Amino acid sequence: MHNDDKQKSMKYALVVLAAPGSGPGNVRAQKFARALKKANIVLTRVFFYGEGVRAASAENADSIHKWSEIAATQDCDLVLCSASAETHGVLTLPTSFTLMGLGALMEAGHDCDRVISFD
């Protein structure tokens, strides 16, 4: 197998722990997601946990737009941790996001070659 073939078959999942505006974690995760596409690496899921769920809150429209664009161009899932969403008051979900439990993160860890977290 050539190195290029291996890269094309690699699957990544991201875990976003940082809220938009709380530091560079959320923006770095977006840049990393875009870099994966350029490298022909498949991004299967972005899991937002803890304060990271604020990326989908109404006051972060720019974040919602950027993550939705990533999901559309890379055909990946944007998943909010249900317990974190409740804790942080993210009760209305944008259309590109779904609500799931920690099992969705465990599933991504099982199905992907790499899981990278950003805080």
PDB file of N, CA and C in Angstrom:
ATOM      1  N   MET A   1       0.845  -1.176   0.000  1.00  0.00           N
ATOM      2  CA  MET A   1       0.000   0.000   0.000  1.00  0.00           C
ATOM      3  C   MET A   1       0.890   1.240   0.000  1.00  0.00           C
ATOM      4  N   HIS A   2       0.612   2.156  -0.887  1.00  0.00           N
ATOM      5  CA  HIS A   2       1.366   3.403  -0.945  1.00  0.00           C
ATOM      6  C   HIS A   2       0.947   4.303   0.206  1.00  0.00           C
ATOM      7  N   ASN A   3       1.824   5.211   0.581  1.00  0.00           N
ATOM      8  CA  ASN A   3       1.527   6.140   1.658  1.00  0.00           C
ATOM      9  C   ASN A   3       0.279   6.971   1.347  1.00  0.00           C
ATOM     10  N   ASP A   4       0.108   7.392   0.083  1.00  0.00           N
ATOM     11  CA  ASP A   4      -1.066   8.178  -0.306  1.00  0.00           C
ATOM     12  C   ASP A   4      -2.347   7.375  -0.116  1.00  0.00           C
ATOM     13  N   ASP A   5      -2.304   6.083  -0.429  1.00  0.00           N
ATOM     14  CA  ASP A   5      -3.481   5.236  -0.260  1.00  0.00           C
ATOM     15  C   ASP A   5      -3.850   5.109   1.217  1.00  0.00           C
ATOM     16  N   LYS A   6      -2.838   5.000   2.073  1.00  0.00           N
ATOM     17  CA  LYS A   6      -3.089   4.880   3.499  1.00  0.00           C
ATOM     18  C   LYS A   6      -3.726   6.155   4.027  1.00  0.00           C
ATOM     19  N   GLN A   7      -3.232   7.318   3.597  1.00  0.00           N
ATOM     20  CA  GLN A   7      -3.793   8.577   4.057  1.00  0.00           C
ATOM     21  C   GLN A   7      -5.250   8.713   3.645  1.00  0.00           C
ATOM     22  N   LYS A   8      -5.587   8.295   2.446  1.00  0.00           N
ATOM     23  CA  LYS A   8      -6.965   8.429   1.976  1.00  0.00           C
ATOM     24  C   LYS A   8      -7.919   7.584   2.801  1.00  0.00           C
ATOM     25  N   SER A   9      -7.433   6.483   3.350  1.00  0.00           N
ATOM     26  CA  SER A   9      -8.313   5.614   4.109  1.00  0.00           C
ATOM     27  C   SER A   9      -8.326   5.948   5.604  1.00  0.00           C
ATOM     28  N   MET A  10      -7.476   6.842   6.053  1.00  0.00           N
ATOM     29  CA  MET A  10      -7.442   7.219   7.466  1.00  0.00           C
ATOM     30  C   MET A  10      -8.738   7.935   7.855  1.00  0.00           C
ATOM     31  N   LYS A  11      -9.224   7.628   9.047  1.00  0.00           N
ATOM     32  CA  LYS A  11     -10.434   8.260   9.568  1.00  0.00           C
ATOM     33  C   LYS A  11     -10.100   8.942  10.896  1.00  0.00           C
ATOM     34  N   TYR A  12     -10.540  10.184  11.001  1.00  0.00           N
ATOM     35  CA  TYR A  12     -10.301  10.969  12.215  1.00  0.00           C
ATOM     36  C   TYR A  12     -11.624  11.414  12.818  1.00  0.00           C
ATOM     37  N   ALA A  13     -11.603  11.584  14.124  1.00  0.00           N
ATOM     38  CA  ALA A  13     -12.685  12.239  14.860  1.00  0.00           C
ATOM     39  C   ALA A  13     -12.039  13.316  15.720  1.00  0.00           C
ATOM     40  N   LEU A  14     -12.770  14.388  15.935  1.00  0.00           N
ATOM     41  CA  LEU A  14     -12.274  15.475  16.768  1.00  0.00           C
ATOM     42  C   LEU A  14     -13.173  15.623  17.989  1.00  0.00           C
ATOM     43  N   VAL A  15     -12.572  16.010  19.099  1.00  0.00           N
ATOM     44  CA  VAL A  15     -13.311  16.332  20.321  1.00  0.00           C
ATOM     45  C   VAL A  15     -13.000  17.790  20.634  1.00  0.00           C
ATOM     46  N   VAL A  16     -14.034  18.606  20.697  1.00  0.00           N
ATOM     47  CA  VAL A  16     -13.868  20.034  20.964  1.00  0.00           C
ATOM     48  C   VAL A  16     -14.352  20.311  22.380  1.00  0.00           C
ATOM     49  N   LEU A  17     -13.418  20.757  23.217  1.00  0.00           N
ATOM     50  CA  LEU A  17     -13.708  21.028  24.620  1.00  0.00           C
ATOM     51  C   LEU A  17     -13.816  22.526  24.910  1.00  0.00           C
ATOM     52  N   ALA A  18     -13.351  23.345  23.992  1.00  0.00           N
ATOM     53  CA  ALA A  18     -13.285  24.796  24.207  1.00  0.00           C
ATOM     54  C   ALA A  18     -14.466  25.508  23.568  1.00  0.00           C
ATOM     55  N   ALA A  19     -15.019  26.438  24.311  1.00  0.00           N
ATOM     56  CA  ALA A  19     -16.085  27.286  23.771  1.00  0.00           C
ATOM     57  C   ALA A  19     -15.464  28.332  22.849  1.00  0.00           C
ATOM     58  N   PRO A  20     -16.205  28.780  21.837  1.00  0.00           N
ATOM     59  CA  PRO A  20     -15.705  29.867  20.998  1.00  0.00           C
ATOM     60  C   PRO A  20     -15.397  31.092  21.870  1.00  0.00           C
ATOM     61  N   GLY A  21     -14.264  31.712  21.617  1.00  0.00           N
ATOM     62  CA  GLY A  21     -13.883  32.912  22.355  1.00  0.00           C
ATOM     63  C   GLY A  21     -13.214  32.649  23.692  1.00  0.00           C
ATOM     64  N   SER A  22     -13.105  31.397  24.121  1.00  0.00           N
ATOM     65  CA  SER A  22     -12.488  31.090  25.416  1.00  0.00           C
ATOM     66  C   SER A  22     -10.998  30.779  25.289  1.00  0.00           C
ATOM     67  N   GLY A  23     -10.498  30.846  24.101  1.00  0.00           N
ATOM     68  CA  GLY A  23      -9.111  30.500  23.818  1.00  0.00           C
ATOM     69  C   GLY A  23      -9.028  29.983  22.396  1.00  0.00           C
ATOM     70  N   PRO A  24      -7.866  29.525  22.004  1.00  0.00           N
ATOM     71  CA  PRO A  24      -7.682  29.126  20.601  1.00  0.00           C
ATOM     72  C   PRO A  24      -8.195  27.735  20.238  1.00  0.00           C
ATOM     73  N   GLY A  25      -8.661  26.949  21.191  1.00  0.00           N
ATOM     74  CA  GLY A  25      -9.023  25.558  20.926  1.00  0.00           C
ATOM     75  C   GLY A  25     -10.064  25.355  19.848  1.00  0.00           C
ATOM     76  N   ASN A  26     -11.128  26.121  19.873  1.00  0.00           N
ATOM     77  CA  ASN A  26     -12.206  25.951  18.904  1.00  0.00           C
ATOM     78  C   ASN A  26     -11.739  26.304  17.497  1.00  0.00           C
ATOM     79  N   VAL A  27     -11.015  27.402  17.372  1.00  0.00           N
ATOM     80  CA  VAL A  27     -10.512  27.830  16.063  1.00  0.00           C
ATOM     81  C   VAL A  27      -9.467  26.844  15.548  1.00  0.00           C
ATOM     82  N   ARG A  28      -8.610  26.356  16.425  1.00  0.00           N
ATOM     83  CA  ARG A  28      -7.604  25.355  16.015  1.00  0.00           C
ATOM     84  C   ARG A  28      -8.273  24.083  15.516  1.00  0.00           C
ATOM     85  N   ALA A  29      -9.351  23.688  16.162  1.00  0.00           N
ATOM     86  CA  ALA A  29     -10.082  22.493  15.728  1.00  0.00           C
ATOM     87  C   ALA A  29     -10.641  22.693  14.322  1.00  0.00           C
ATOM     88  N   GLN A  30     -11.177  23.882  14.044  1.00  0.00           N
ATOM     89  CA  GLN A  30     -11.698  24.178  12.708  1.00  0.00           C
ATOM     90  C   GLN A  30     -10.581  24.148  11.668  1.00  0.00           C
ATOM     91  N   LYS A  31      -9.443  24.744  11.984  1.00  0.00           N
ATOM     92  CA  LYS A  31      -8.310  24.748  11.050  1.00  0.00           C
ATOM     93  C   LYS A  31      -7.806  23.327  10.815  1.00  0.00           C
ATOM     94  N   PHE A  32      -7.751  22.526  11.874  1.00  0.00           N
ATOM     95  CA  PHE A  32      -7.315  21.143  11.744  1.00  0.00           C
ATOM     96  C   PHE A  32      -8.276  20.356  10.867  1.00  0.00           C
ATOM     97  N   ALA A  33      -9.573  20.573  11.059  1.00  0.00           N
ATOM     98  CA  ALA A  33     -10.586  19.885  10.253  1.00  0.00           C
ATOM     99  C   ALA A  33     -10.407  20.206   8.770  1.00  0.00           C
ATOM    100  N   ARG A  34     -10.164  21.477   8.459  1.00  0.00           N
ATOM    101  CA  ARG A  34      -9.953  21.871   7.057  1.00  0.00           C
ATOM    102  C   ARG A  34      -8.666  21.268   6.502  1.00  0.00           C
ATOM    103  N   ALA A  35      -7.631  21.176   7.333  1.00  0.00           N
ATOM    104  CA  ALA A  35      -6.362  20.577   6.900  1.00  0.00           C
ATOM    105  C   ALA A  35      -6.531  19.091   6.599  1.00  0.00           C
ATOM    106  N   LEU A  36      -7.391  18.413   7.345  1.00  0.00           N
ATOM    107  CA  LEU A  36      -7.642  16.998   7.074  1.00  0.00           C
ATOM    108  C   LEU A  36      -8.188  16.815   5.664  1.00  0.00           C
ATOM    109  N   LYS A  37      -9.108  17.678   5.275  1.00  0.00           N
ATOM    110  CA  LYS A  37      -9.690  17.580   3.930  1.00  0.00           C
ATOM    111  C   LYS A  37      -8.614  17.759   2.878  1.00  0.00           C
ATOM    112  N   LYS A  38      -7.745  18.743   3.065  1.00  0.00           N
ATOM    113  CA  LYS A  38      -6.671  18.984   2.098  1.00  0.00           C
ATOM    114  C   LYS A  38      -5.718  17.803   2.015  1.00  0.00           C
ATOM    115  N   ALA A  39      -5.573  17.069   3.108  1.00  0.00           N
ATOM    116  CA  ALA A  39      -4.686  15.908   3.148  1.00  0.00           C
ATOM    117  C   ALA A  39      -5.400  14.615   2.743  1.00  0.00           C
ATOM    118  N   ASN A  40      -6.649  14.736   2.284  1.00  0.00           N
ATOM    119  CA  ASN A  40      -7.456  13.574   1.893  1.00  0.00           C
ATOM    120  C   ASN A  40      -7.662  12.580   3.029  1.00  0.00           C
ATOM    121  N   ILE A  41      -7.787  13.099   4.243  1.00  0.00           N
ATOM    122  CA  ILE A  41      -8.093  12.281   5.414  1.00  0.00           C
ATOM    123  C   ILE A  41      -9.568  12.501   5.744  1.00  0.00           C
ATOM    124  N   VAL A  42     -10.268  11.425   6.046  1.00  0.00           N
ATOM    125  CA  VAL A  42     -11.707  11.482   6.287  1.00  0.00           C
ATOM    126  C   VAL A  42     -11.978  11.927   7.724  1.00  0.00           C
ATOM    127  N   LEU A  43     -12.782  12.959   7.864  1.00  0.00           N
ATOM    128  CA  LEU A  43     -13.264  13.397   9.169  1.00  0.00           C
ATOM    129  C   LEU A  43     -14.676  12.843   9.320  1.00  0.00           C
ATOM    130  N   THR A  44     -14.861  11.961  10.291  1.00  0.00           N
ATOM    131  CA  THR A  44     -16.161  11.312  10.435  1.00  0.00           C
ATOM    132  C   THR A  44     -17.077  12.008  11.438  1.00  0.00           C
ATOM    133  N   ARG A  45     -16.478  12.541  12.504  1.00  0.00           N
ATOM    134  CA  ARG A  45     -17.320  13.123  13.561  1.00  0.00           C
ATOM    135  C   ARG A  45     -16.541  14.196  14.316  1.00  0.00           C
ATOM    136  N   VAL A  46     -17.265  15.242  14.686  1.00  0.00           N
ATOM    137  CA  VAL A  46     -16.754  16.239  15.625  1.00  0.00           C
ATOM    138  C   VAL A  46     -17.679  16.173  16.829  1.00  0.00           C
ATOM    139  N   PHE A  47     -17.106  15.844  17.979  1.00  0.00           N
ATOM    140  CA  PHE A  47     -17.877  15.690  19.212  1.00  0.00           C
ATOM    141  C   PHE A  47     -17.576  16.877  20.116  1.00  0.00           C
ATOM    142  N   PHE A  48     -18.603  17.615  20.484  1.00  0.00           N
ATOM    143  CA  PHE A  48     -18.464  18.796  21.330  1.00  0.00           C
ATOM    144  C   PHE A  48     -18.843  18.405  22.750  1.00  0.00           C
ATOM    145  N   TYR A  49     -17.901  18.624  23.678  1.00  0.00           N
ATOM    146  CA  TYR A  49     -18.072  18.180  25.051  1.00  0.00           C
ATOM    147  C   TYR A  49     -17.762  19.333  26.008  1.00  0.00           C
ATOM    148  N   GLY A  50     -18.383  19.323  27.166  1.00  0.00           N
ATOM    149  CA  GLY A  50     -18.151  20.395  28.134  1.00  0.00           C
ATOM    150  C   GLY A  50     -18.536  21.737  27.535  1.00  0.00           C
ATOM    151  N   GLU A  51     -17.693  22.742  27.766  1.00  0.00           N
ATOM    152  CA  GLU A  51     -17.976  24.074  27.232  1.00  0.00           C
ATOM    153  C   GLU A  51     -17.935  24.115  25.704  1.00  0.00           C
ATOM    154  N   GLY A  52     -17.381  23.100  25.087  1.00  0.00           N
ATOM    155  CA  GLY A  52     -17.335  23.038  23.629  1.00  0.00           C
ATOM    156  C   GLY A  52     -18.711  23.066  22.977  1.00  0.00           C
ATOM    157  N   VAL A  53     -19.741  22.632  23.711  1.00  0.00           N
ATOM    158  CA  VAL A  53     -21.091  22.640  23.148  1.00  0.00           C
ATOM    159  C   VAL A  53     -21.573  24.056  22.834  1.00  0.00           C
ATOM    160  N   ARG A  54     -20.936  25.041  23.427  1.00  0.00           N
ATOM    161  CA  ARG A  54     -21.323  26.436  23.157  1.00  0.00           C
ATOM    162  C   ARG A  54     -21.055  26.837  21.706  1.00  0.00           C
ATOM    163  N   ALA A  55     -20.312  26.032  20.985  1.00  0.00           N
ATOM    164  CA  ALA A  55     -20.086  26.278  19.554  1.00  0.00           C
ATOM    165  C   ALA A  55     -21.401  26.241  18.782  1.00  0.00           C
ATOM    166  N   ALA A  56     -22.415  25.617  19.372  1.00  0.00           N
ATOM    167  CA  ALA A  56     -23.717  25.500  18.713  1.00  0.00           C
ATOM    168  C   ALA A  56     -24.786  26.380  19.361  1.00  0.00           C
ATOM    169  N   SER A  57     -24.385  27.262  20.276  1.00  0.00           N
ATOM    170  CA  SER A  57     -25.377  28.116  20.928  1.00  0.00           C
ATOM    171  C   SER A  57     -25.695  29.331  20.058  1.00  0.00           C
ATOM    172  N   ALA A  58     -26.886  29.847  20.217  1.00  0.00           N
ATOM    173  CA  ALA A  58     -27.391  30.932  19.364  1.00  0.00           C
ATOM    174  C   ALA A  58     -26.483  32.154  19.349  1.00  0.00           C
ATOM    175  N   GLU A  59     -25.820  32.450  20.461  1.00  0.00           N
ATOM    176  CA  GLU A  59     -24.953  33.639  20.493  1.00  0.00           C
ATOM    177  C   GLU A  59     -23.635  33.450  19.743  1.00  0.00           C
ATOM    178  N   ASN A  60     -23.389  32.256  19.247  1.00  0.00           N
ATOM    179  CA  ASN A  60     -22.163  31.980  18.489  1.00  0.00           C
ATOM    180  C   ASN A  60     -22.484  31.638  17.032  1.00  0.00           C
ATOM    181  N   ALA A  61     -23.196  32.530  16.377  1.00  0.00           N
ATOM    182  CA  ALA A  61     -23.639  32.302  14.993  1.00  0.00           C
ATOM    183  C   ALA A  61     -22.467  32.061  14.051  1.00  0.00           C
ATOM    184  N   ASP A  62     -21.357  32.771  14.251  1.00  0.00           N
ATOM    185  CA  ASP A  62     -20.183  32.585  13.387  1.00  0.00           C
ATOM    186  C   ASP A  62     -19.630  31.168  13.528  1.00  0.00           C
ATOM    187  N   SER A  63     -19.568  30.682  14.748  1.00  0.00           N
ATOM    188  CA  SER A  63     -19.091  29.322  14.997  1.00  0.00           C
ATOM    189  C   SER A  63     -20.031  28.299  14.355  1.00  0.00           C
ATOM    190  N   ILE A  64     -21.323  28.507  14.508  1.00  0.00           N
ATOM    191  CA  ILE A  64     -22.302  27.599  13.900  1.00  0.00           C
ATOM    192  C   ILE A  64     -22.096  27.546  12.396  1.00  0.00           C
ATOM    193  N   HIS A  65     -21.920  28.708  11.787  1.00  0.00           N
ATOM    194  CA  HIS A  65     -21.727  28.781  10.337  1.00  0.00           C
ATOM    195  C   HIS A  65     -20.460  28.030   9.915  1.00  0.00           C
ATOM    196  N   LYS A  66     -19.358  28.269  10.611  1.00  0.00           N
ATOM    197  CA  LYS A  66     -18.081  27.624  10.236  1.00  0.00           C
ATOM    198  C   LYS A  66     -18.135  26.115  10.416  1.00  0.00           C
ATOM    199  N   TRP A  67     -18.691  25.655  11.532  1.00  0.00           N
ATOM    200  CA  TRP A  67     -18.781  24.211  11.743  1.00  0.00           C
ATOM    201  C   TRP A  67     -19.757  23.567  10.761  1.00  0.00           C
ATOM    202  N   SER A  68     -20.842  24.250  10.462  1.00  0.00           N
ATOM    203  CA  SER A  68     -21.811  23.716   9.492  1.00  0.00           C
ATOM    204  C   SER A  68     -21.183  23.588   8.113  1.00  0.00           C
ATOM    205  N   GLU A  69     -20.352  24.550   7.756  1.00  0.00           N
ATOM    206  CA  GLU A  69     -19.642  24.501   6.477  1.00  0.00           C
ATOM    207  C   GLU A  69     -18.684  23.310   6.433  1.00  0.00           C
ATOM    208  N   ILE A  70     -17.974  23.083   7.518  1.00  0.00           N
ATOM    209  CA  ILE A  70     -17.062  21.932   7.602  1.00  0.00           C
ATOM    210  C   ILE A  70     -17.857  20.632   7.462  1.00  0.00           C
ATOM    211  N   ALA A  71     -18.970  20.536   8.171  1.00  0.00           N
ATOM    212  CA  ALA A  71     -19.789  19.319   8.095  1.00  0.00           C
ATOM    213  C   ALA A  71     -20.307  19.077   6.680  1.00  0.00           C
ATOM    214  N   ALA A  72     -20.720  20.147   6.008  1.00  0.00           N
ATOM    215  CA  ALA A  72     -21.264  20.009   4.657  1.00  0.00           C
ATOM    216  C   ALA A  72     -20.193  19.611   3.653  1.00  0.00           C
ATOM    217  N   THR A  73     -19.015  20.181   3.754  1.00  0.00           N
ATOM    218  CA  THR A  73     -17.970  19.895   2.770  1.00  0.00           C
ATOM    219  C   THR A  73     -17.260  18.572   3.038  1.00  0.00           C
ATOM    220  N   GLN A  74     -17.326  18.082   4.282  1.00  0.00           N
ATOM    221  CA  GLN A  74     -16.608  16.859   4.619  1.00  0.00           C
ATOM    222  C   GLN A  74     -17.532  15.709   4.991  1.00  0.00           C
ATOM    223  N   ASP A  75     -18.823  15.948   4.933  1.00  0.00           N
ATOM    224  CA  ASP A  75     -19.808  14.914   5.218  1.00  0.00           C
ATOM    225  C   ASP A  75     -19.548  14.244   6.567  1.00  0.00           C
ATOM    226  N   CYS A  76     -19.347  15.073   7.593  1.00  0.00           N
ATOM    227  CA  CYS A  76     -19.103  14.547   8.931  1.00  0.00           C
ATOM    228  C   CYS A  76     -20.245  14.941   9.865  1.00  0.00           C
ATOM    229  N   ASP A  77     -20.342  14.232  10.970  1.00  0.00           N
ATOM    230  CA  ASP A  77     -21.353  14.511  11.984  1.00  0.00           C
ATOM    231  C   ASP A  77     -20.842  15.562  12.951  1.00  0.00           C
ATOM    232  N   LEU A  78     -21.701  16.480  13.340  1.00  0.00           N
ATOM    233  CA  LEU A  78     -21.422  17.427  14.415  1.00  0.00           C
ATOM    234  C   LEU A  78     -22.311  17.013  15.580  1.00  0.00           C
ATOM    235  N   VAL A  79     -21.706  16.514  16.647  1.00  0.00           N
ATOM    236  CA  VAL A  79     -22.457  15.925  17.744  1.00  0.00           C
ATOM    237  C   VAL A  79     -22.189  16.680  19.044  1.00  0.00           C
ATOM    238  N   LEU A  80     -23.262  17.114  19.698  1.00  0.00           N
ATOM    239  CA  LEU A  80     -23.158  17.731  21.012  1.00  0.00           C
ATOM    240  C   LEU A  80     -23.420  16.677  22.078  1.00  0.00           C
ATOM    241  N   CYS A  81     -22.605  16.659  23.112  1.00  0.00           N
ATOM    242  CA  CYS A  81     -22.864  15.795  24.261  1.00  0.00           C
ATOM    243  C   CYS A  81     -24.164  16.263  24.899  1.00  0.00           C
ATOM    244  N   SER A  82     -25.102  15.371  25.070  1.00  0.00           N
ATOM    245  CA  SER A  82     -26.422  15.747  25.583  1.00  0.00           C
ATOM    246  C   SER A  82     -26.346  16.312  27.001  1.00  0.00           C
ATOM    247  N   ALA A  83     -25.547  15.709  27.868  1.00  0.00           N
ATOM    248  CA  ALA A  83     -25.436  16.204  29.242  1.00  0.00           C
ATOM    249  C   ALA A  83     -24.773  17.579  29.275  1.00  0.00           C
ATOM    250  N   SER A  84     -23.735  17.774  28.465  1.00  0.00           N
ATOM    251  CA  SER A  84     -23.058  19.075  28.412  1.00  0.00           C
ATOM    252  C   SER A  84     -23.977  20.147  27.845  1.00  0.00           C
ATOM    253  N   ALA A  85     -24.751  19.795  26.832  1.00  0.00           N
ATOM    254  CA  ALA A  85     -25.678  20.762  26.241  1.00  0.00           C
ATOM    255  C   ALA A  85     -26.701  21.209  27.274  1.00  0.00           C
ATOM    256  N   GLU A  86     -27.199  20.283  28.065  1.00  0.00           N
ATOM    257  CA  GLU A  86     -28.160  20.637  29.116  1.00  0.00           C
ATOM    258  C   GLU A  86     -27.496  21.514  30.177  1.00  0.00           C
ATOM    259  N   THR A  87     -26.303  21.148  30.587  1.00  0.00           N
ATOM    260  CA  THR A  87     -25.578  21.908  31.607  1.00  0.00           C
ATOM    261  C   THR A  87     -25.309  23.344  31.162  1.00  0.00           C
ATOM    262  N   HIS A  88     -24.964  23.522  29.898  1.00  0.00           N
ATOM    263  CA  HIS A  88     -24.589  24.847  29.380  1.00  0.00           C
ATOM    264  C   HIS A  88     -25.746  25.566  28.691  1.00  0.00           C
ATOM    265  N   GLY A  89     -26.941  25.028  28.780  1.00  0.00           N
ATOM    266  CA  GLY A  89     -28.119  25.718  28.275  1.00  0.00           C
ATOM    267  C   GLY A  89     -28.242  25.777  26.767  1.00  0.00           C
ATOM    268  N   VAL A  90     -27.624  24.834  26.070  1.00  0.00           N
ATOM    269  CA  VAL A  90     -27.750  24.773  24.611  1.00  0.00           C
ATOM    270  C   VAL A  90     -28.925  23.833  24.319  1.00  0.00           C
ATOM    271  N   LEU A  91     -30.113  24.421  24.291  1.00  0.00           N
ATOM    272  CA  LEU A  91     -31.327  23.614  24.192  1.00  0.00           C
ATOM    273  C   LEU A  91     -31.938  23.613  22.800  1.00  0.00           C
ATOM    274  N   THR A  92     -31.606  24.610  21.993  1.00  0.00           N
ATOM    275  CA  THR A  92     -32.089  24.677  20.615  1.00  0.00           C
ATOM    276  C   THR A  92     -30.902  24.399  19.705  1.00  0.00           C
ATOM    277  N   LEU A  93     -31.021  23.345  18.912  1.00  0.00           N
ATOM    278  CA  LEU A  93     -29.891  22.931  18.071  1.00  0.00           C
ATOM    279  C   LEU A  93     -30.001  23.485  16.663  1.00  0.00           C
ATOM    280  N   PRO A  94     -28.875  23.986  16.122  1.00  0.00           N
ATOM    281  CA  PRO A  94     -28.848  24.318  14.697  1.00  0.00           C
ATOM    282  C   PRO A  94     -29.037  23.034  13.888  1.00  0.00           C
ATOM    283  N   THR A  95     -29.511  23.160  12.667  1.00  0.00           N
ATOM    284  CA  THR A  95     -29.862  21.983  11.873  1.00  0.00           C
ATOM    285  C   THR A  95     -28.693  21.040  11.602  1.00  0.00           C
ATOM    286  N   SER A  96     -27.478  21.536  11.554  1.00  0.00           N
ATOM    287  CA  SER A  96     -26.349  20.658  11.219  1.00  0.00           C
ATOM    288  C   SER A  96     -25.801  19.892  12.430  1.00  0.00           C
ATOM    289  N   PHE A  97     -26.306  20.175  13.624  1.00  0.00           N
ATOM    290  CA  PHE A  97     -25.825  19.526  14.842  1.00  0.00           C
ATOM    291  C   PHE A  97     -26.848  18.502  15.329  1.00  0.00           C
ATOM    292  N   THR A  98     -26.333  17.452  15.983  1.00  0.00           N
ATOM    293  CA  THR A  98     -27.208  16.464  16.619  1.00  0.00           C
ATOM    294  C   THR A  98     -26.823  16.339  18.085  1.00  0.00           C
ATOM    295  N   LEU A  99     -27.713  15.784  18.841  1.00  0.00           N
ATOM    296  CA  LEU A  99     -27.525  15.606  20.280  1.00  0.00           C
ATOM    297  C   LEU A  99     -27.409  14.116  20.568  1.00  0.00           C
ATOM    298  N   MET A 100     -26.312  13.712  21.222  1.00  0.00           N
ATOM    299  CA  MET A 100     -26.098  12.310  21.555  1.00  0.00           C
ATOM    300  C   MET A 100     -25.341  12.224  22.878  1.00  0.00           C
ATOM    301  N   GLY A 101     -25.279  11.042  23.411  1.00  0.00           N
ATOM    302  CA  GLY A 101     -24.548  10.820  24.648  1.00  0.00           C
ATOM    303  C   GLY A 101     -23.081  10.490  24.399  1.00  0.00           C
ATOM    304  N   LEU A 102     -22.383  10.187  25.484  1.00  0.00           N
ATOM    305  CA  LEU A 102     -20.959   9.855  25.384  1.00  0.00           C
ATOM    306  C   LEU A 102     -20.694   8.606  24.562  1.00  0.00           C
ATOM    307  N   GLY A 103     -21.704   7.789  24.379  1.00  0.00           N
ATOM    308  CA  GLY A 103     -21.545   6.602  23.541  1.00  0.00           C
ATOM    309  C   GLY A 103     -21.126   6.966  22.122  1.00  0.00           C
ATOM    310  N   ALA A 104     -21.559   8.138  21.641  1.00  0.00           N
ATOM    311  CA  ALA A 104     -21.176   8.591  20.295  1.00  0.00           C
ATOM    312  C   ALA A 104     -19.680   8.867  20.222  1.00  0.00           C
ATOM    313  N   LEU A 105     -19.101   9.344  21.322  1.00  0.00           N
ATOM    314  CA  LEU A 105     -17.655   9.563  21.367  1.00  0.00           C
ATOM    315  C   LEU A 105     -16.926   8.227  21.408  1.00  0.00           C
ATOM    316  N   MET A 106     -17.446   7.298  22.186  1.00  0.00           N
ATOM    317  CA  MET A 106     -16.835   5.968  22.260  1.00  0.00           C
ATOM    318  C   MET A 106     -16.894   5.271  20.898  1.00  0.00           C
ATOM    319  N   GLU A 107     -18.010   5.414  20.208  1.00  0.00           N
ATOM    320  CA  GLU A 107     -18.164   4.834  18.881  1.00  0.00           C
ATOM    321  C   GLU A 107     -17.128   5.423  17.915  1.00  0.00           C
ATOM    322  N   ALA A 108     -16.932   6.728  17.983  1.00  0.00           N
ATOM    323  CA  ALA A 108     -15.940   7.378  17.115  1.00  0.00           C
ATOM    324  C   ALA A 108     -14.543   6.852  17.420  1.00  0.00           C
ATOM    325  N   GLY A 109     -14.249   6.665  18.694  1.00  0.00           N
ATOM    326  CA  GLY A 109     -12.942   6.126  19.067  1.00  0.00           C
ATOM    327  C   GLY A 109     -12.721   4.722  18.542  1.00  0.00           C
ATOM    328  N   HIS A 110     -13.782   3.965  18.469  1.00  0.00           N
ATOM    329  CA  HIS A 110     -13.695   2.597  17.955  1.00  0.00           C
ATOM    330  C   HIS A 110     -13.565   2.572  16.436  1.00  0.00           C
ATOM    331  N   ASP A 111     -14.302   3.444  15.765  1.00  0.00           N
ATOM    332  CA  ASP A 111     -14.381   3.415  14.303  1.00  0.00           C
ATOM    333  C   ASP A 111     -13.264   4.184  13.601  1.00  0.00           C
ATOM    334  N   CYS A 112     -12.578   5.072  14.309  1.00  0.00           N
ATOM    335  CA  CYS A 112     -11.583   5.945  13.677  1.00  0.00           C
ATOM    336  C   CYS A 112     -10.164   5.495  13.990  1.00  0.00           C
ATOM    337  N   ASP A 113      -9.238   5.934  13.134  1.00  0.00           N
ATOM    338  CA  ASP A 113      -7.826   5.665  13.358  1.00  0.00           C
ATOM    339  C   ASP A 113      -7.245   6.611  14.403  1.00  0.00           C
ATOM    340  N   ARG A 114      -7.780   7.820  14.470  1.00  0.00           N
ATOM    341  CA  ARG A 114      -7.293   8.834  15.402  1.00  0.00           C
ATOM    342  C   ARG A 114      -8.464   9.634  15.964  1.00  0.00           C
ATOM    343  N   VAL A 115      -8.355   9.977  17.243  1.00  0.00           N
ATOM    344  CA  VAL A 115      -9.267  10.911  17.889  1.00  0.00           C
ATOM    345  C   VAL A 115      -8.395  12.013  18.490  1.00  0.00           C
ATOM    346  N   ILE A 116      -8.611  13.230  18.058  1.00  0.00           N
ATOM    347  CA  ILE A 116      -7.802  14.372  18.481  1.00  0.00           C
ATOM    348  C   ILE A 116      -8.682  15.326  19.268  1.00  0.00           C
ATOM    349  N   SER A 117      -8.208  15.784  20.420  1.00  0.00           N
ATOM    350  CA  SER A 117      -9.006  16.719  21.222  1.00  0.00           C
ATOM    351  C   SER A 117      -8.379  18.114  21.211  1.00  0.00           C
ATOM    352  N   PHE A 118      -9.257  19.103  21.328  1.00  0.00           N
ATOM    353  CA  PHE A 118      -8.863  20.517  21.337  1.00  0.00           C
ATOM    354  C   PHE A 118      -9.519  21.189  22.523  1.00  0.00           C
ATOM    355  N   ASP A 119      -8.674  21.798  23.385  1.00  0.00           N
ATOM    356  CA  ASP A 119      -9.240  22.530  24.514  1.00  0.00           C
ATOM    357  C   ASP A 119      -8.674  23.921  24.634  1.00  0.00           C
TER     358      ASP A 119
END
